Amino acid sequence: MKNRLFKILRLIITLSVVGLAFFLGLKLWNNYMNSSWTRDGRVRAEVVMIAPDVSGLVASVNVVDNQFVKKGDLLFQIDKVRFEHALAEAKTLAQIRKAEHEMKQNQYKRRVGLSDEVMSEENRNDAKLEVAIAKAKYEEAAIQIETAELNLERSSVKAPSDGWVSNLLLRKGDYVQTGESHMAMIKKDSFWIYGYFEENKLSLLHINDKAQMRMLGTKYIIQGHIESLASGISDRDNVTDQRLLANVNPTFTWVRLAQRIPVRIHIDSVPKGFVLAAGMTCSVSIIQKEDKKSDFLNLR
C-alpha cells in the first residue's frame, strides 16, 4: 500500500514539475515573442557636417579631437590674405565708380541748364541714361564690397551650435574646397534612440508610450517615450533595372524573418554619471499604459 502511494506521489510530483515547466516555458515564449521590447536599440545624434563657404589653405586648426565647443567658437581659419586683397580691390573699384557717378551727375546738370539751341533733347536723354548707368555700376561695386567682406568673414569657420568635434582629421596646410565637408560635429542635446522592433510588434506600440532603455553591459536605465514610428523601410527584393522595371528575385526562402521597423524614442532623462555617445547599443522596452511595471523586470 505504501509503495502504491509512493508511486502515485512521485507521479503527481513529476506531472507538477512538467506542468510548471510547460507553463513557465509558454509564458517565457509569449513574453519573448509578443511583448513590446527589443534588444536592437541604437543611440543616435544629429551630426553637423562642417564645410567652408570659401576655398583656400587652412592657416590654423583651433580645436582638438572630441573637444566641446560653443556656438560661434572658431573651428579653423582659412588663409585670409587673398580675401583681404579682394576686399581692398572692391573698395578701390567702388571709389572709382562713385567718382564716375558724380561726374555723370554734374554733366547732366550742366546739360539740363543749357538752351535747346546749344543742347538737343536727345543729348539730354543720353546724359540722363549715363547717370543711371553710372549709378548702377556704383551699386554693383558696393555689392562686390559686401561679397568680399562676407568671404573674408566666412574664411573663419565657426561652430554653428554647441557640440563636440568628432574624428578630427583636418590639419594645417590642407586645401579645402567650398562646400566640401572637412569636420564633423555632434550637436549637443540632440541625442535620441532608435529601437528596431519586429513588424509583428508594431501594433503594441503607440506615440507617447513610455520607454526604458537598458544600456548594454551597464546597470543604467534611460527613461524616454515613443516620438514616432517609421512609415517604411527599403525593400531589397523590389529593385529596378535600367528600364525601371521591377527586378523580382526568383528564389524564395522558406524561413522568413520579421522585418525590423525603426521606432524613434525621445530621451526624457539620463541617469547621473552616465555619458551618452552616438552608436551605443541598448535594449528597449515599451511600457504600455495598462502595464504597472516594465517588461524589463519580467525579462530579468
Protein backbone atom coordinates (compact mmCIF):
# COMPACT_ATOMS: atom_id res chain seq x y z
CA MET A 1 0.00 0.00 0.00
CA LYS A 2 2.84 2.34 0.89
CA ASN A 3 4.63 1.54 -2.38
CA ARG A 4 1.48 2.36 -4.31
CA LEU A 5 1.04 5.71 -2.54
CA PHE A 6 4.73 6.46 -3.10
CA LYS A 7 4.38 5.78 -6.83
CA ILE A 8 1.27 7.96 -7.05
CA LEU A 9 3.07 10.73 -5.16
CA ARG A 10 6.07 10.50 -7.50
CA LEU A 11 3.73 10.64 -10.49
CA ILE A 12 1.98 13.72 -9.11
CA ILE A 13 5.29 15.45 -8.43
CA THR A 14 6.58 14.59 -11.90
CA LEU A 15 3.42 15.84 -13.58
CA SER A 16 3.51 19.02 -11.48
CA VAL A 17 7.11 19.72 -12.41
CA VAL A 18 6.40 19.06 -16.10
CA GLY A 19 3.27 21.21 -15.99
CA LEU A 20 5.11 24.04 -14.23
CA ALA A 21 7.97 23.86 -16.73
CA PHE A 22 5.48 23.92 -19.61
CA PHE A 23 3.64 26.88 -18.09
CA LEU A 24 6.84 28.84 -17.48
CA GLY A 25 8.15 28.00 -20.95
CA LEU A 26 4.89 29.10 -22.57
CA LYS A 27 4.90 32.33 -20.57
CA LEU A 28 8.55 32.98 -21.44
CA TRP A 29 7.87 32.28 -25.14
CA ASN A 30 4.87 34.62 -25.13
CA ASN A 31 6.90 37.27 -23.32
CA TYR A 32 9.76 36.94 -25.76
CA MET A 33 7.70 36.83 -28.96
CA ASN A 34 4.72 39.04 -28.22
CA SER A 35 5.90 41.67 -25.76
CA SER A 36 6.92 45.17 -26.85
CA TRP A 37 10.69 45.03 -26.39
CA THR A 38 13.78 44.60 -28.50
CA ARG A 39 17.48 44.13 -27.91
CA ASP A 40 18.27 46.08 -31.08
CA GLY A 41 18.43 49.69 -29.90
CA ARG A 42 20.94 52.31 -31.01
CA VAL A 43 21.80 55.75 -29.66
CA ARG A 44 21.74 58.34 -32.43
CA ALA A 45 22.57 62.05 -32.56
CA GLU A 46 22.45 64.91 -35.03
CA VAL A 47 25.79 65.24 -36.79
CA VAL A 48 26.61 68.63 -38.33
CA MET A 49 28.94 68.38 -41.32
CA ILE A 50 31.22 71.43 -41.23
CA ALA A 51 32.01 72.67 -44.74
CA PRO A 52 33.68 76.00 -45.60
CA ASP A 53 31.85 78.57 -47.69
CA VAL A 54 35.13 79.64 -49.37
CA SER A 55 38.16 77.77 -50.70
CA GLY A 56 41.74 78.14 -49.57
CA LEU A 57 44.63 76.85 -47.49
CA VAL A 58 43.99 76.07 -43.83
CA ALA A 59 46.05 78.55 -41.83
CA SER A 60 45.20 77.11 -38.41
CA VAL A 61 43.05 74.45 -36.74
CA ASN A 62 41.76 75.86 -33.47
CA VAL A 63 40.21 72.74 -31.91
CA VAL A 64 41.29 69.23 -31.00
CA ASP A 65 39.53 65.93 -31.45
CA ASN A 66 36.48 65.37 -29.17
CA GLN A 67 36.63 68.95 -27.86
CA PHE A 68 33.40 70.54 -26.70
CA VAL A 69 32.77 73.86 -28.44
CA LYS A 70 30.11 76.54 -28.10
CA LYS A 71 28.18 78.24 -30.86
CA GLY A 72 30.40 80.83 -32.55
CA ASP A 73 33.74 79.34 -31.45
CA LEU A 74 36.43 79.33 -34.14
CA LEU A 75 36.98 75.84 -35.54
CA PHE A 76 39.59 76.54 -38.21
CA GLN A 77 40.91 79.53 -40.12
CA ILE A 78 41.41 79.66 -43.88
CA ASP A 79 44.27 81.87 -45.07
CA LYS A 80 42.60 85.27 -45.49
CA VAL A 81 45.30 87.26 -47.31
CA ARG A 82 43.62 86.70 -50.68
CA PHE A 83 40.25 87.75 -49.27
CA GLU A 84 41.74 90.91 -47.75
CA HIS A 85 43.21 91.81 -51.16
CA ALA A 86 39.85 91.15 -52.82
CA LEU A 87 38.16 93.45 -50.30
CA ALA A 88 40.71 96.22 -50.91
CA GLU A 89 40.25 95.84 -54.67
CA ALA A 90 36.46 96.02 -54.32
CA LYS A 91 36.70 99.19 -52.22
CA THR A 92 39.02 100.83 -54.76
CA LEU A 93 36.68 99.94 -57.61
CA ALA A 94 33.76 101.36 -55.64
CA GLN A 95 35.60 104.67 -55.23
CA ILE A 96 36.19 104.81 -58.99
CA ARG A 97 32.55 104.03 -59.74
CA LYS A 98 31.42 106.62 -57.21
CA ALA A 99 33.57 109.30 -58.88
CA GLU A 100 32.23 108.35 -62.31
CA HIS A 101 28.70 108.58 -60.99
CA GLU A 102 29.29 112.05 -59.55
CA MET A 103 30.92 113.16 -62.82
CA LYS A 104 27.93 111.97 -64.88
CA GLN A 105 25.57 113.73 -62.49
CA ASN A 106 27.42 117.04 -62.87
CA GLN A 107 27.47 116.68 -66.67
CA TYR A 108 23.75 116.00 -66.71
CA LYS A 109 23.02 119.06 -64.53
CA ARG A 110 25.03 121.30 -66.84
CA ARG A 111 23.33 119.97 -69.97
CA VAL A 112 19.87 120.39 -68.46
CA GLY A 113 20.63 124.06 -67.85
CA LEU A 114 21.62 124.70 -71.48
CA SER A 115 19.13 126.01 -74.03
CA ASP A 116 17.66 123.90 -76.82
CA GLU A 117 19.83 125.75 -79.33
CA VAL A 118 23.01 124.53 -77.61
CA MET A 119 21.90 121.09 -76.40
CA SER A 120 19.39 118.83 -78.10
CA GLU A 121 16.78 116.82 -76.24
CA GLU A 122 18.45 113.61 -77.39
CA ASN A 123 21.75 114.59 -75.75
CA ARG A 124 19.94 115.40 -72.53
CA ASN A 125 18.30 111.97 -72.55
CA ASP A 126 21.65 110.31 -73.25
CA ALA A 127 23.20 112.18 -70.33
CA LYS A 128 20.35 111.06 -68.07
CA LEU A 129 20.87 107.43 -69.11
CA GLU A 130 24.61 107.74 -68.50
CA VAL A 131 23.84 108.87 -64.95
CA ALA A 132 21.62 105.82 -64.44
CA ILE A 133 24.32 103.50 -65.84
CA ALA A 134 26.98 105.06 -63.62
CA LYS A 135 24.72 104.70 -60.60
CA ALA A 136 24.08 101.02 -61.38
CA LYS A 137 27.83 100.39 -61.70
CA TYR A 138 28.44 102.09 -58.37
CA GLU A 139 25.74 99.94 -56.70
CA GLU A 140 27.35 96.86 -58.29
CA ALA A 141 30.70 97.85 -56.79
CA ALA A 142 29.05 98.32 -53.38
CA ILE A 143 27.63 94.78 -53.60
CA GLN A 144 31.10 93.50 -54.50
CA ILE A 145 32.39 95.08 -51.28
CA GLU A 146 29.71 93.27 -49.28
CA THR A 147 30.59 90.00 -51.02
CA ALA A 148 34.30 90.48 -50.33
CA GLU A 149 33.56 91.27 -46.67
CA LEU A 150 31.38 88.17 -46.44
CA ASN A 151 34.11 85.97 -47.98
CA LEU A 152 36.63 87.40 -45.52
CA GLU A 153 34.26 86.70 -42.63
CA ARG A 154 33.48 83.18 -43.89
CA SER A 155 37.21 82.35 -44.05
CA SER A 156 36.87 81.94 -40.29
CA VAL A 157 34.85 78.73 -39.94
CA LYS A 158 32.90 78.80 -36.69
CA ALA A 159 30.74 76.33 -34.80
CA PRO A 160 27.07 76.60 -35.83
CA SER A 161 25.89 75.25 -32.45
CA ASP A 162 27.09 73.76 -29.18
CA GLY A 163 28.57 70.29 -29.56
CA TRP A 164 31.58 68.02 -29.77
CA VAL A 165 34.16 67.90 -32.55
CA SER A 166 34.36 64.29 -33.72
CA ASN A 167 37.00 62.34 -35.64
CA LEU A 168 39.08 65.41 -36.48
CA LEU A 169 41.33 64.78 -39.48
CA LEU A 170 41.83 68.35 -40.75
CA ARG A 171 45.37 69.69 -40.49
CA LYS A 172 47.11 73.00 -41.02
CA GLY A 173 48.20 73.33 -44.66
CA ASP A 174 45.31 71.30 -46.09
CA TYR A 175 43.48 72.85 -49.03
CA VAL A 176 39.73 72.97 -48.56
CA GLN A 177 37.12 73.43 -51.26
CA THR A 178 33.86 75.30 -50.97
CA GLY A 179 31.04 73.02 -49.85
CA GLU A 180 33.25 70.01 -49.04
CA SER A 181 32.83 68.67 -45.50
CA HIS A 182 36.09 68.56 -43.56
CA MET A 183 34.87 68.26 -39.99
CA ALA A 184 32.01 66.58 -38.12
CA MET A 185 30.37 67.94 -35.00
CA ILE A 186 27.90 66.09 -32.78
CA LYS A 187 25.25 68.56 -31.72
CA LYS A 188 24.57 68.93 -28.01
CA ASP A 189 21.14 67.85 -26.70
CA SER A 190 20.32 66.13 -29.99
CA PHE A 191 20.54 62.51 -28.83
CA TRP A 192 17.71 60.09 -29.41
CA ILE A 193 17.34 56.30 -29.61
CA TYR A 194 16.23 54.16 -32.49
CA GLY A 195 14.62 50.90 -31.42
CA TYR A 196 14.33 48.40 -34.26
CA PHE A 197 11.16 46.44 -33.49
CA GLU A 198 9.89 43.38 -35.34
CA GLU A 199 7.00 44.14 -37.65
CA ASN A 200 4.55 41.95 -35.73
CA LYS A 201 5.06 44.08 -32.61
CA LEU A 202 4.16 47.44 -34.14
CA SER A 203 0.51 47.07 -33.12
CA LEU A 204 1.68 47.14 -29.49
CA LEU A 205 3.42 50.49 -29.92
CA HIS A 206 1.80 53.92 -29.73
CA ILE A 207 3.02 57.50 -29.80
CA ASN A 208 3.94 58.82 -26.32
CA ASP A 209 4.17 55.30 -24.79
CA LYS A 210 6.83 55.33 -22.10
CA ALA A 211 10.08 53.51 -22.82
CA GLN A 212 13.02 52.22 -20.83
CA MET A 213 16.44 51.65 -22.35
CA ARG A 214 18.97 49.44 -20.58
CA MET A 215 22.42 50.23 -21.91
CA LEU A 216 24.49 47.24 -22.93
CA GLY A 217 26.72 45.90 -20.18
CA THR A 218 25.68 48.50 -17.59
CA LYS A 219 23.15 48.92 -14.80
CA TYR A 220 21.95 52.24 -16.18
CA ILE A 221 18.38 52.62 -17.46
CA ILE A 222 17.40 55.63 -19.56
CA GLN A 223 13.81 56.88 -19.49
CA GLY A 224 12.03 58.07 -22.63
CA HIS A 225 8.90 57.89 -24.74
CA ILE A 226 7.98 56.97 -28.30
CA GLU A 227 8.26 60.01 -30.53
CA SER A 228 7.42 58.49 -33.91
CA LEU A 229 7.28 55.26 -35.90
CA ALA A 230 8.88 54.88 -39.32
CA SER A 231 6.38 54.64 -42.17
CA GLY A 232 8.56 52.43 -44.36
CA ILE A 233 11.90 50.75 -44.95
CA SER A 234 13.77 49.75 -48.09
CA ASP A 235 12.61 46.59 -49.87
CA ARG A 236 15.66 44.66 -51.03
CA ASP A 237 13.55 42.38 -53.24
CA ASN A 238 11.98 45.25 -55.17
CA VAL A 239 14.86 46.87 -57.02
CA THR A 240 14.50 48.21 -60.55
CA ASP A 241 16.56 47.58 -63.65
CA GLN A 242 17.80 50.12 -66.20
CA ARG A 243 14.35 50.25 -67.81
CA LEU A 244 12.75 50.96 -64.40
CA LEU A 245 11.04 47.56 -64.34
CA ALA A 246 10.77 45.55 -61.13
CA ASN A 247 13.60 43.04 -60.69
CA VAL A 248 11.90 40.22 -58.76
CA ASN A 249 14.08 37.61 -57.04
CA PRO A 250 13.00 34.19 -58.41
CA THR A 251 14.19 32.33 -55.31
CA PHE A 252 12.11 32.09 -52.15
CA THR A 253 13.49 31.31 -48.73
CA TRP A 254 11.26 29.14 -46.56
CA VAL A 255 12.46 30.82 -43.40
CA ARG A 256 11.05 34.34 -43.37
CA LEU A 257 12.47 36.70 -40.78
CA ALA A 258 10.35 39.51 -39.41
CA GLN A 259 11.39 42.90 -40.75
CA ARG A 260 12.78 45.43 -38.29
CA ILE A 261 10.99 48.79 -38.27
CA PRO A 262 12.75 51.84 -36.75
CA VAL A 263 10.93 53.46 -33.83
CA ARG A 264 12.26 56.85 -32.74
CA ILE A 265 12.40 57.30 -28.96
CA HIS A 266 12.83 60.67 -27.31
CA ILE A 267 15.16 60.66 -24.29
CA ASP A 268 13.47 62.16 -21.23
CA SER A 269 16.15 61.60 -18.59
CA VAL A 270 19.65 60.14 -18.35
CA PRO A 271 20.97 58.67 -15.09
CA LYS A 272 23.51 60.81 -13.28
CA GLY A 273 27.05 59.80 -14.10
CA PHE A 274 26.21 58.13 -17.40
CA VAL A 275 27.73 59.57 -20.59
CA LEU A 276 25.80 59.15 -23.84
CA ALA A 277 27.63 58.57 -27.11
CA ALA A 278 26.19 58.09 -30.57
CA GLY A 279 26.45 54.45 -31.65
CA MET A 280 25.85 52.88 -28.23
CA THR A 281 23.58 49.84 -28.14
CA CYS A 282 20.79 49.08 -25.71
CA SER A 283 17.69 47.01 -25.08
CA VAL A 284 14.42 48.89 -25.42
CA SER A 285 11.26 48.04 -23.52
CA ILE A 286 7.96 49.85 -24.02
CA ILE A 287 5.71 50.35 -21.02
CA GLN A 288 2.16 50.21 -22.27
CA LYS A 289 -0.45 52.26 -20.46
CA GLU A 290 -2.14 49.31 -18.78
CA ASP A 291 1.18 47.90 -17.56
CA LYS A 292 2.15 48.60 -13.96
CA LYS A 293 5.82 47.91 -14.45
CA SER A 294 8.35 47.49 -17.21
CA ASP A 295 8.73 44.39 -19.30
CA PHE A 296 12.39 44.69 -18.35
CA LEU A 297 11.51 43.41 -14.90
CA ASN A 298 9.62 40.48 -16.36
CA LEU A 299 12.52 39.52 -18.58
CA ARG A 300 15.05 39.51 -15.76
